[in-house]
Amino acid sequence: VQLVESGGGLVQAGGSLRLSCVASGIAFSIDTMGWYRQAA
């Protein structure tokens, strides 16, 4: 079971980024997935 996030970086205000999360070992296609964040 693993979740691997990628795609982050440094960007200026107004810019864009696309994050990806690859899942393994879970019933991905039948589960609701989510994104969370934690600031310092």
Full PDB file with SEQRES, HELIX, SHEET, SSBOND, CRYST1, ORIGX, SCALE, CONECT and MASTER records, all heavy atoms in Angstrom:
SEQRES   1 A   40  VAL GLN LEU VAL GLU SER GLY GLY GLY LEU VAL GLN ALA          
SEQRES   2 A   40  GLY GLY SER LEU ARG LEU SER CYS VAL ALA SER GLY ILE          
SEQRES   3 A   40  ALA PHE SER ILE ASP THR MET GLY TRP TYR ARG GLN ALA          
SEQRES   4 A   40  ALA                                                          
HELIX    1 AA1 PHE A   28  ILE A   30  5                                   3    
SHEET    1 AA1 2 GLN A   2  SER A   6  0                                        
SHEET    2 AA1 2 SER A  20  SER A  24 -1                                        
CRYST1    1.000    1.000    1.000  90.00  90.00  90.00 P 1           1          
ORIGX1      1.000000  0.000000  0.000000        0.00000                         
ORIGX2      0.000000  1.000000  0.000000        0.00000                         
ORIGX3      0.000000  0.000000  1.000000        0.00000                         
SCALE1      1.000000  0.000000  0.000000        0.00000                         
SCALE2      0.000000  1.000000  0.000000        0.00000                         
SCALE3      0.000000  0.000000  1.000000        0.00000                         
ATOM      1  N   VAL A   1       0.844  -1.182   0.000  1.00  0.00           N  
ATOM      2  CA  VAL A   1       0.000   0.000   0.000  1.00  0.00           C  
ATOM      3  C   VAL A   1       0.888   1.244   0.000  1.00  0.00           C  
ATOM      4  O   VAL A   1       1.747   1.410   0.857  1.00  0.00           O  
ATOM      5  CB  VAL A   1      -0.920   0.018   1.220  1.00  0.00           C  
ATOM      6  CG1 VAL A   1      -1.722   1.310   1.248  1.00  0.00           C  
ATOM      7  CG2 VAL A   1      -1.863  -1.195   1.203  1.00  0.00           C  
ATOM      8  N   GLN A   2       0.655   2.101  -0.976  1.00  0.00           N  
ATOM      9  CA  GLN A   2       1.514   3.271  -1.090  1.00  0.00           C  
ATOM     10  C   GLN A   2       0.809   4.396  -1.813  1.00  0.00           C  
ATOM     11  O   GLN A   2       0.047   4.163  -2.753  1.00  0.00           O  
ATOM     12  CB  GLN A   2       2.789   2.893  -1.861  1.00  0.00           C  
ATOM     13  CG  GLN A   2       3.903   3.898  -1.766  1.00  0.00           C  
ATOM     14  CD  GLN A   2       5.189   3.368  -2.409  1.00  0.00           C  
ATOM     15  OE1 GLN A   2       5.175   2.428  -3.196  1.00  0.00           O  
ATOM     16  NE2 GLN A   2       6.299   3.986  -2.061  1.00  0.00           N  
ATOM     17  N   LEU A   3       1.060   5.607  -1.367  1.00  0.00           N  
ATOM     18  CA  LEU A   3       0.592   6.818  -2.028  1.00  0.00           C  
ATOM     19  C   LEU A   3       1.818   7.679  -2.277  1.00  0.00           C  
ATOM     20  O   LEU A   3       2.549   7.989  -1.341  1.00  0.00           O  
ATOM     21  CB  LEU A   3      -0.412   7.576  -1.163  1.00  0.00           C  
ATOM     22  CG  LEU A   3      -1.710   6.860  -0.813  1.00  0.00           C  
ATOM     23  CD1 LEU A   3      -2.457   7.616   0.269  1.00  0.00           C  
ATOM     24  CD2 LEU A   3      -2.580   6.711  -2.047  1.00  0.00           C  
ATOM     25  N   VAL A   4       2.038   8.063  -3.523  1.00  0.00           N  
ATOM     26  CA  VAL A   4       3.219   8.853  -3.851  1.00  0.00           C  
ATOM     27  C   VAL A   4       2.787  10.123  -4.562  1.00  0.00           C  
ATOM     28  O   VAL A   4       2.276  10.078  -5.686  1.00  0.00           O  
ATOM     29  CB  VAL A   4       4.201   8.063  -4.732  1.00  0.00           C  
ATOM     30  CG1 VAL A   4       5.418   8.924  -5.069  1.00  0.00           C  
ATOM     31  CG2 VAL A   4       4.635   6.783  -4.038  1.00  0.00           C  
ATOM     32  N   GLU A   5       3.009  11.240  -3.881  1.00  0.00           N  
ATOM     33  CA  GLU A   5       2.648  12.540  -4.436  1.00  0.00           C  
ATOM     34  C   GLU A   5       3.841  13.161  -5.164  1.00  0.00           C  
ATOM     35  O   GLU A   5       4.990  12.954  -4.762  1.00  0.00           O  
ATOM     36  CB  GLU A   5       2.203  13.496  -3.322  1.00  0.00           C  
ATOM     37  CG  GLU A   5       1.043  13.013  -2.490  1.00  0.00           C  
ATOM     38  CD  GLU A   5       1.448  12.273  -1.222  1.00  0.00           C  
ATOM     39  OE1 GLU A   5       2.620  11.844  -1.127  1.00  0.00           O  
ATOM     40  OE2 GLU A   5       0.593  12.125  -0.317  1.00  0.00           O  
ATOM     41  N   SER A   6       3.538  13.938  -6.195  1.00  0.00           N  
ATOM     42  CA  SER A   6       4.591  14.635  -6.936  1.00  0.00           C  
ATOM     43  C   SER A   6       4.010  15.847  -7.634  1.00  0.00           C  
ATOM     44  O   SER A   6       2.783  16.020  -7.677  1.00  0.00           O  
ATOM     45  CB  SER A   6       5.240  13.697  -7.961  1.00  0.00           C  
ATOM     46  OG  SER A   6       4.297  13.294  -8.930  1.00  0.00           O  
ATOM     47  N   GLY A   7       4.895  16.676  -8.170  1.00  0.00           N  
ATOM     48  CA  GLY A   7       4.453  17.815  -8.965  1.00  0.00           C  
ATOM     49  C   GLY A   7       4.565  19.166  -8.278  1.00  0.00           C  
ATOM     50  O   GLY A   7       4.277  20.192  -8.893  1.00  0.00           O  
ATOM     51  N   GLY A   8       4.945  19.165  -7.020  1.00  0.00           N  
ATOM     52  CA  GLY A   8       5.075  20.430  -6.312  1.00  0.00           C  
ATOM     53  C   GLY A   8       6.272  21.221  -6.798  1.00  0.00           C  
ATOM     54  O   GLY A   8       7.071  20.754  -7.612  1.00  0.00           O  
ATOM     55  N   GLY A   9       6.391  22.430  -6.282  1.00  0.00           N  
ATOM     56  CA  GLY A   9       7.514  23.280  -6.658  1.00  0.00           C  
ATOM     57  C   GLY A   9       7.303  24.703  -6.203  1.00  0.00           C  
ATOM     58  O   GLY A   9       6.393  24.999  -5.424  1.00  0.00           O  
ATOM     59  N   LEU A  10       8.156  25.573  -6.721  1.00  0.00           N  
ATOM     60  CA  LEU A  10       8.089  27.001  -6.418  1.00  0.00           C  
ATOM     61  C   LEU A  10       7.463  27.715  -7.603  1.00  0.00           C  
ATOM     62  O   LEU A  10       7.896  27.540  -8.747  1.00  0.00           O  
ATOM     63  CB  LEU A  10       9.487  27.542  -6.162  1.00  0.00           C  
ATOM     64  CG  LEU A  10       9.635  29.053  -5.970  1.00  0.00           C  
ATOM     65  CD1 LEU A  10       8.869  29.511  -4.738  1.00  0.00           C  
ATOM     66  CD2 LEU A  10      11.110  29.423  -5.872  1.00  0.00           C  
ATOM     67  N   VAL A  11       6.464  28.523  -7.336  1.00  0.00           N  
ATOM     68  CA  VAL A  11       5.762  29.235  -8.400  1.00  0.00           C  
ATOM     69  C   VAL A  11       5.386  30.626  -7.904  1.00  0.00           C  
ATOM     70  O   VAL A  11       5.181  30.819  -6.700  1.00  0.00           O  
ATOM     71  CB  VAL A  11       4.507  28.449  -8.848  1.00  0.00           C  
ATOM     72  CG1 VAL A  11       3.507  28.323  -7.716  1.00  0.00           C  
ATOM     73  CG2 VAL A  11       3.881  29.045 -10.090  1.00  0.00           C  
ATOM     74  N   GLN A  12       5.312  31.574  -8.818  1.00  0.00           N  
ATOM     75  CA  GLN A  12       4.886  32.913  -8.446  1.00  0.00           C  
ATOM     76  C   GLN A  12       3.384  32.979  -8.275  1.00  0.00           C  
ATOM     77  O   GLN A  12       2.641  32.188  -8.875  1.00  0.00           O  
ATOM     78  CB  GLN A  12       5.338  33.913  -9.505  1.00  0.00           C  
ATOM     79  CG  GLN A  12       6.844  34.157  -9.522  1.00  0.00           C  
ATOM     80  CD  GLN A  12       7.230  35.300 -10.448  1.00  0.00           C  
ATOM     81  OE1 GLN A  12       6.537  35.554 -11.434  1.00  0.00           O  
ATOM     82  NE2 GLN A  12       8.317  35.978 -10.138  1.00  0.00           N  
ATOM     83  N   ALA A  13       2.953  33.928  -7.491  1.00  0.00           N  
ATOM     84  CA  ALA A  13       1.521  34.144  -7.318  1.00  0.00           C  
ATOM     85  C   ALA A  13       0.860  34.340  -8.681  1.00  0.00           C  
ATOM     86  O   ALA A  13       1.411  35.029  -9.556  1.00  0.00           O  
ATOM     87  CB  ALA A  13       1.275  35.347  -6.426  1.00  0.00           C  
ATOM     88  N   GLY A  14      -0.292  33.701  -8.845  1.00  0.00           N  
ATOM     89  CA  GLY A  14      -0.992  33.750 -10.124  1.00  0.00           C  
ATOM     90  C   GLY A  14      -0.649  32.607 -11.053  1.00  0.00           C  
ATOM     91  O   GLY A  14      -1.331  32.413 -12.069  1.00  0.00           O  
ATOM     92  N   GLY A  15       0.367  31.849 -10.706  1.00  0.00           N  
ATOM     93  CA  GLY A  15       0.797  30.733 -11.530  1.00  0.00           C  
ATOM     94  C   GLY A  15      -0.009  29.469 -11.284  1.00  0.00           C  
ATOM     95  O   GLY A  15      -0.987  29.473 -10.530  1.00  0.00           O  
ATOM     96  N   SER A  16       0.439  28.400 -11.948  1.00  0.00           N  
ATOM     97  CA  SER A  16      -0.273  27.125 -11.881  1.00  0.00           C  
ATOM     98  C   SER A  16       0.696  25.979 -11.623  1.00  0.00           C  
ATOM     99  O   SER A  16       1.873  26.052 -11.987  1.00  0.00           O  
ATOM    100  CB  SER A  16      -1.010  26.854 -13.200  1.00  0.00           C  
ATOM    101  OG  SER A  16      -1.974  27.841 -13.464  1.00  0.00           O  
ATOM    102  N   LEU A  17       0.164  24.939 -11.018  1.00  0.00           N  
ATOM    103  CA  LEU A  17       0.877  23.677 -10.834  1.00  0.00           C  
ATOM    104  C   LEU A  17      -0.127  22.543 -10.955  1.00  0.00           C  
ATOM    105  O   LEU A  17      -1.318  22.722 -10.671  1.00  0.00           O  
ATOM    106  CB  LEU A  17       1.545  23.602  -9.460  1.00  0.00           C  
ATOM    107  CG  LEU A  17       2.842  24.386  -9.224  1.00  0.00           C  
ATOM    108  CD1 LEU A  17       3.238  24.283  -7.758  1.00  0.00           C  
ATOM    109  CD2 LEU A  17       3.959  23.874 -10.116  1.00  0.00           C  
ATOM    110  N   ARG A  18       0.378  21.389 -11.345  1.00  0.00           N  
ATOM    111  CA  ARG A  18      -0.454  20.184 -11.386  1.00  0.00           C  
ATOM    112  C   ARG A  18       0.201  19.103 -10.534  1.00  0.00           C  
ATOM    113  O   ARG A  18       1.316  18.671 -10.837  1.00  0.00           O  
ATOM    114  CB  ARG A  18      -0.622  19.684 -12.814  1.00  0.00           C  
ATOM    115  CG  ARG A  18      -1.642  18.560 -12.948  1.00  0.00           C  
ATOM    116  CD  ARG A  18      -1.537  17.887 -14.294  1.00  0.00           C  
ATOM    117  NE  ARG A  18      -2.680  17.037 -14.592  1.00  0.00           N  
ATOM    118  CZ  ARG A  18      -2.637  16.021 -15.462  1.00  0.00           C  
ATOM    119  NH1 ARG A  18      -1.511  15.739 -16.082  1.00  0.00           N  
ATOM    120  NH2 ARG A  18      -3.722  15.312 -15.699  1.00  0.00           N  
ATOM    121  N   LEU A  19      -0.502  18.696  -9.517  1.00  0.00           N  
ATOM    122  CA  LEU A  19      -0.011  17.651  -8.636  1.00  0.00           C  
ATOM    123  C   LEU A  19      -0.555  16.299  -9.077  1.00  0.00           C  
ATOM    124  O   LEU A  19      -1.664  16.211  -9.605  1.00  0.00           O  
ATOM    125  CB  LEU A  19      -0.424  17.921  -7.189  1.00  0.00           C  
ATOM    126  CG  LEU A  19      -0.066  19.292  -6.610  1.00  0.00           C  
ATOM    127  CD1 LEU A  19      -0.478  19.340  -5.144  1.00  0.00           C  
ATOM    128  CD2 LEU A  19       1.400  19.598  -6.781  1.00  0.00           C  
ATOM    129  N   SER A  20       0.236  15.254  -8.821  1.00  0.00           N  
ATOM    130  CA  SER A  20      -0.180  13.893  -9.121  1.00  0.00           C  
ATOM    131  C   SER A  20       0.008  13.035  -7.882  1.00  0.00           C  
ATOM    132  O   SER A  20       0.912  13.269  -7.083  1.00  0.00           O  
ATOM    133  CB  SER A  20       0.656  13.308 -10.258  1.00  0.00           C  
ATOM    134  OG  SER A  20       0.527  14.049 -11.438  1.00  0.00           O  
ATOM    135  N   CYS A  21      -0.840  12.038  -7.749  1.00  0.00           N  
ATOM    136  CA  CYS A  21      -0.718  11.072  -6.667  1.00  0.00           C  
ATOM    137  C   CYS A  21      -0.989   9.694  -7.249  1.00  0.00           C  
ATOM    138  O   CYS A  21      -2.100   9.436  -7.722  1.00  0.00           O  
ATOM    139  CB  CYS A  21      -1.701  11.381  -5.552  1.00  0.00           C  
ATOM    140  SG  CYS A  21      -1.823  10.089  -4.290  1.00  0.00           S  
ATOM    141  N   VAL A  22       0.022   8.854  -7.203  1.00  0.00           N  
ATOM    142  CA  VAL A  22      -0.113   7.490  -7.701  1.00  0.00           C  
ATOM    143  C   VAL A  22      -0.338   6.567  -6.515  1.00  0.00           C  
ATOM    144  O   VAL A  22       0.434   6.568  -5.550  1.00  0.00           O  
ATOM    145  CB  VAL A  22       1.134   7.054  -8.480  1.00  0.00           C  
ATOM    146  CG1 VAL A  22       0.959   5.630  -8.981  1.00  0.00           C  
ATOM    147  CG2 VAL A  22       1.382   7.993  -9.650  1.00  0.00           C  
ATOM    148  N   ALA A  23      -1.395   5.787  -6.594  1.00  0.00           N  
ATOM    149  CA  ALA A  23      -1.753   4.868  -5.520  1.00  0.00           C  
ATOM    150  C   ALA A  23      -1.458   3.432  -5.931  1.00  0.00           C  
ATOM    151  O   ALA A  23      -1.639   3.063  -7.099  1.00  0.00           O  
ATOM    152  CB  ALA A  23      -3.226   5.016  -5.174  1.00  0.00           C  
ATOM    153  N   SER A  24      -1.045   2.648  -4.967  1.00  0.00           N  
ATOM    154  CA  SER A  24      -0.822   1.228  -5.214  1.00  0.00           C  
ATOM    155  C   SER A  24      -1.307   0.443  -3.999  1.00  0.00           C  
ATOM    156  O   SER A  24      -1.277   0.927  -2.872  1.00  0.00           O  
ATOM    157  CB  SER A  24       0.650   0.936  -5.495  1.00  0.00           C  
ATOM    158  OG  SER A  24       1.465   1.377  -4.430  1.00  0.00           O  
ATOM    159  N   GLY A  25      -1.788  -0.762  -4.275  1.00  0.00           N  
ATOM    160  CA  GLY A  25      -2.217  -1.633  -3.183  1.00  0.00           C  
ATOM    161  C   GLY A  25      -3.564  -1.299  -2.581  1.00  0.00           C  
ATOM    162  O   GLY A  25      -3.888  -1.788  -1.492  1.00  0.00           O  
ATOM    163  N   ILE A  26      -4.348  -0.451  -3.252  1.00  0.00           N  
ATOM    164  CA  ILE A  26      -5.676  -0.106  -2.743  1.00  0.00           C  
ATOM    165  C   ILE A  26      -6.709  -0.300  -3.851  1.00  0.00           C  
ATOM    166  O   ILE A  26      -6.345  -0.414  -5.022  1.00  0.00           O  
ATOM    167  CB  ILE A  26      -5.740   1.349  -2.223  1.00  0.00           C  
ATOM    168  CG1 ILE A  26      -5.569   2.357  -3.380  1.00  0.00           C  
ATOM    169  CG2 ILE A  26      -4.690   1.591  -1.160  1.00  0.00           C  
ATOM    170  CD1 ILE A  26      -5.829   3.799  -2.976  1.00  0.00           C  
ATOM    171  N   ALA A  27      -7.966  -0.314  -3.449  1.00  0.00           N  
ATOM    172  CA  ALA A  27      -9.062  -0.440  -4.413  1.00  0.00           C  
ATOM    173  C   ALA A  27      -9.354   0.928  -5.013  1.00  0.00           C  
ATOM    174  O   ALA A  27     -10.419   1.504  -4.811  1.00  0.00           O  
ATOM    175  CB  ALA A  27     -10.282  -1.006  -3.717  1.00  0.00           C  
ATOM    176  N   PHE A  28      -8.401   1.450  -5.746  1.00  0.00           N  
ATOM    177  CA  PHE A  28      -8.459   2.845  -6.202  1.00  0.00           C  
ATOM    178  C   PHE A  28      -9.739   3.159  -6.957  1.00  0.00           C  
ATOM    179  O   PHE A  28     -10.381   4.179  -6.706  1.00  0.00           O  
ATOM    180  CB  PHE A  28      -7.242   3.139  -7.079  1.00  0.00           C  
ATOM    181  CG  PHE A  28      -7.165   4.558  -7.562  1.00  0.00           C  
ATOM    182  CD1 PHE A  28      -6.544   5.525  -6.788  1.00  0.00           C  
ATOM    183  CD2 PHE A  28      -7.719   4.925  -8.784  1.00  0.00           C  
ATOM    184  CE1 PHE A  28      -6.476   6.849  -7.225  1.00  0.00           C  
ATOM    185  CE2 PHE A  28      -7.652   6.234  -9.225  1.00  0.00           C  
ATOM    186  CZ  PHE A  28      -7.032   7.201  -8.449  1.00  0.00           C  
ATOM    187  N   SER A  29     -10.130   2.296  -7.867  1.00  0.00           N  
ATOM    188  CA  SER A  29     -11.234   2.641  -8.772  1.00  0.00           C  
ATOM    189  C   SER A  29     -12.573   2.728  -8.063  1.00  0.00           C  
ATOM    190  O   SER A  29     -13.510   3.320  -8.600  1.00  0.00           O  
ATOM    191  CB  SER A  29     -11.303   1.630  -9.914  1.00  0.00           C  
ATOM    192  OG  SER A  29     -11.597   0.345  -9.401  1.00  0.00           O  
ATOM    193  N   ILE A  30     -12.699   2.167  -6.873  1.00  0.00           N  
ATOM    194  CA  ILE A  30     -13.992   2.198  -6.188  1.00  0.00           C  
ATOM    195  C   ILE A  30     -13.973   3.095  -4.956  1.00  0.00           C  
ATOM    196  O   ILE A  30     -14.966   3.197  -4.244  1.00  0.00           O  
ATOM    197  CB  ILE A  30     -14.456   0.778  -5.786  1.00  0.00           C  
ATOM    198  CG1 ILE A  30     -13.488   0.149  -4.779  1.00  0.00           C  
ATOM    199  CG2 ILE A  30     -14.604  -0.107  -7.011  1.00  0.00           C  
ATOM    200  CD1 ILE A  30     -13.990  -1.175  -4.214  1.00  0.00           C  
ATOM    201  N   ASP A  31     -12.859   3.739  -4.702  1.00  0.00           N  
ATOM    202  CA  ASP A  31     -12.737   4.575  -3.518  1.00  0.00           C  
ATOM    203  C   ASP A  31     -12.741   6.064  -3.870  1.00  0.00           C  
ATOM    204  O   ASP A  31     -12.235   6.462  -4.924  1.00  0.00           O  
ATOM    205  CB  ASP A  31     -11.436   4.264  -2.774  1.00  0.00           C  
ATOM    206  CG  ASP A  31     -11.518   2.950  -2.007  1.00  0.00           C  
ATOM    207  OD1 ASP A  31     -12.595   2.312  -2.030  1.00  0.00           O  
ATOM    208  OD2 ASP A  31     -10.512   2.560  -1.398  1.00  0.00           O  
ATOM    209  N   THR A  32     -13.289   6.845  -2.951  1.00  0.00           N  
ATOM    210  CA  THR A  32     -13.190   8.295  -3.059  1.00  0.00           C  
ATOM    211  C   THR A  32     -11.788   8.713  -2.630  1.00  0.00           C  
ATOM    212  O   THR A  32     -11.289   8.261  -1.600  1.00  0.00           O  
ATOM    213  CB  THR A  32     -14.230   8.979  -2.157  1.00  0.00           C  
ATOM    214  OG1 THR A  32     -15.538   8.665  -2.655  1.00  0.00           O  
ATOM    215  CG2 THR A  32     -14.054  10.486  -2.129  1.00  0.00           C  
ATOM    216  N   MET A  33     -11.173   9.563  -3.442  1.00  0.00           N  
ATOM    217  CA  MET A  33      -9.814  10.027  -3.160  1.00  0.00           C  
ATOM    218  C   MET A  33      -9.831  11.525  -2.854  1.00  0.00           C  
ATOM    219  O   MET A  33     -10.708  12.256  -3.328  1.00  0.00           O  
ATOM    220  CB  MET A  33      -8.901   9.765  -4.351  1.00  0.00           C  
ATOM    221  CG  MET A  33      -8.757   8.296  -4.691  1.00  0.00           C  
ATOM    222  SD  MET A  33      -7.940   7.334  -3.395  1.00  0.00           S  
ATOM    223  CE  MET A  33      -6.291   8.060  -3.405  1.00  0.00           C  
ATOM    224  N   GLY A  34      -8.848  11.956  -2.096  1.00  0.00           N  
ATOM    225  CA  GLY A  34      -8.828  13.363  -1.722  1.00  0.00           C  
ATOM    226  C   GLY A  34      -7.437  13.946  -1.635  1.00  0.00           C  
ATOM    227  O   GLY A  34      -6.436  13.216  -1.551  1.00  0.00           O  
ATOM    228  N   TRP A  35      -7.385  15.248  -1.678  1.00  0.00           N  
ATOM    229  CA  TRP A  35      -6.166  16.018  -1.461  1.00  0.00           C  
ATOM    230  C   TRP A  35      -6.327  16.843  -0.185  1.00  0.00           C  
ATOM    231  O   TRP A  35      -7.400  17.395   0.072  1.00  0.00           O  
ATOM    232  CB  TRP A  35      -5.879  16.957  -2.630  1.00  0.00           C  
ATOM    233  CG  TRP A  35      -5.312  16.288  -3.833  1.00  0.00           C  
ATOM    234  CD1 TRP A  35      -5.993  15.872  -4.937  1.00  0.00           C  
ATOM    235  CD2 TRP A  35      -3.933  15.960  -4.076  1.00  0.00           C  
ATOM    236  NE1 TRP A  35      -5.128  15.300  -5.843  1.00  0.00           N  
ATOM    237  CE2 TRP A  35      -3.865  15.357  -5.328  1.00  0.00           C  
ATOM    238  CE3 TRP A  35      -2.756  16.136  -3.346  1.00  0.00           C  
ATOM    239  CZ2 TRP A  35      -2.663  14.908  -5.892  1.00  0.00           C  
ATOM    240  CZ3 TRP A  35      -1.561  15.701  -3.900  1.00  0.00           C  
ATOM    241  CH2 TRP A  35      -1.515  15.094  -5.153  1.00  0.00           C  
ATOM    242  N   TYR A  36      -5.236  16.928   0.556  1.00  0.00           N  
ATOM    243  CA  TYR A  36      -5.178  17.716   1.777  1.00  0.00           C  
ATOM    244  C   TYR A  36      -3.899  18.543   1.734  1.00  0.00           C  
ATOM    245  O   TYR A  36      -3.006  18.278   0.933  1.00  0.00           O  
ATOM    246  CB  TYR A  36      -5.143  16.798   3.004  1.00  0.00           C  
ATOM    247  CG  TYR A  36      -6.352  15.917   3.138  1.00  0.00           C  
ATOM    248  CD1 TYR A  36      -6.478  14.756   2.379  1.00  0.00           C  
ATOM    249  CD2 TYR A  36      -7.370  16.230   4.028  1.00  0.00           C  
ATOM    250  CE1 TYR A  36      -7.596  13.948   2.488  1.00  0.00           C  
ATOM    251  CE2 TYR A  36      -8.487  15.422   4.159  1.00  0.00           C  
ATOM    252  CZ  TYR A  36      -8.586  14.280   3.391  1.00  0.00           C  
ATOM    253  OH  TYR A  36      -9.689  13.478   3.509  1.00  0.00           O  
ATOM    254  N   ARG A  37      -3.808  19.518   2.615  1.00  0.00           N  
ATOM    255  CA  ARG A  37      -2.572  20.283   2.695  1.00  0.00           C  
ATOM    256  C   ARG A  37      -2.314  20.697   4.130  1.00  0.00           C  
ATOM    257  O   ARG A  37      -3.229  20.805   4.946  1.00  0.00           O  
ATOM    258  CB  ARG A  37      -2.626  21.511   1.789  1.00  0.00           C  
ATOM    259  CG  ARG A  37      -3.640  22.584   2.212  1.00  0.00           C  
ATOM    260  CD  ARG A  37      -3.689  23.674   1.148  1.00  0.00           C  
ATOM    261  NE  ARG A  37      -4.610  24.744   1.529  1.00  0.00           N  
ATOM    262  CZ  ARG A  37      -4.938  25.756   0.735  1.00  0.00           C  
ATOM    263  NH1 ARG A  37      -4.424  25.834  -0.498  1.00  0.00           N  
ATOM    264  NH2 ARG A  37      -5.771  26.686   1.161  1.00  0.00           N  
ATOM    265  N   GLN A  38      -1.038  20.926   4.401  1.00  0.00           N  
ATOM    266  CA  GLN A  38      -0.645  21.362   5.736  1.00  0.00           C  
ATOM    267  C   GLN A  38       0.418  22.435   5.608  1.00  0.00           C  
ATOM    268  O   GLN A  38       1.526  22.159   5.119  1.00  0.00           O  
ATOM    269  CB  GLN A  38      -0.127  20.191   6.573  1.00  0.00           C  
ATOM    270  CG  GLN A  38       0.156  20.568   8.013  1.00  0.00           C  
ATOM    271  CD  GLN A  38       0.402  19.359   8.893  1.00  0.00           C  
ATOM    272  OE1 GLN A  38       0.708  18.270   8.422  1.00  0.00           O  
ATOM    273  NE2 GLN A  38       0.226  19.541  10.188  1.00  0.00           N  
ATOM    274  N   ALA A  39       0.068  23.633   6.020  1.00  0.00           N  
ATOM    275  CA  ALA A  39       1.027  24.729   6.043  1.00  0.00           C  
ATOM    276  C   ALA A  39       1.820  24.679   7.336  1.00  0.00           C  
ATOM    277  O   ALA A  39       1.368  24.103   8.336  1.00  0.00           O  
ATOM    278  CB  ALA A  39       0.291  26.063   5.917  1.00  0.00           C  
ATOM    279  N   ALA A  40       2.979  25.274   7.329  1.00  0.00           N  
ATOM    280  CA  ALA A  40       3.845  25.273   8.502  1.00  0.00           C  
ATOM    281  C   ALA A  40       3.119  25.857   9.710  1.00  0.00           C  
ATOM    282  O   ALA A  40       2.526  26.936   9.634  1.00  0.00           O  
ATOM    283  CB  ALA A  40       5.114  26.068   8.222  1.00  0.00           C  
TER     284      ALA A  40                                                      
MASTER        0    0    0    1    2    0    0    6  283    1    0    4          
END                                                                             
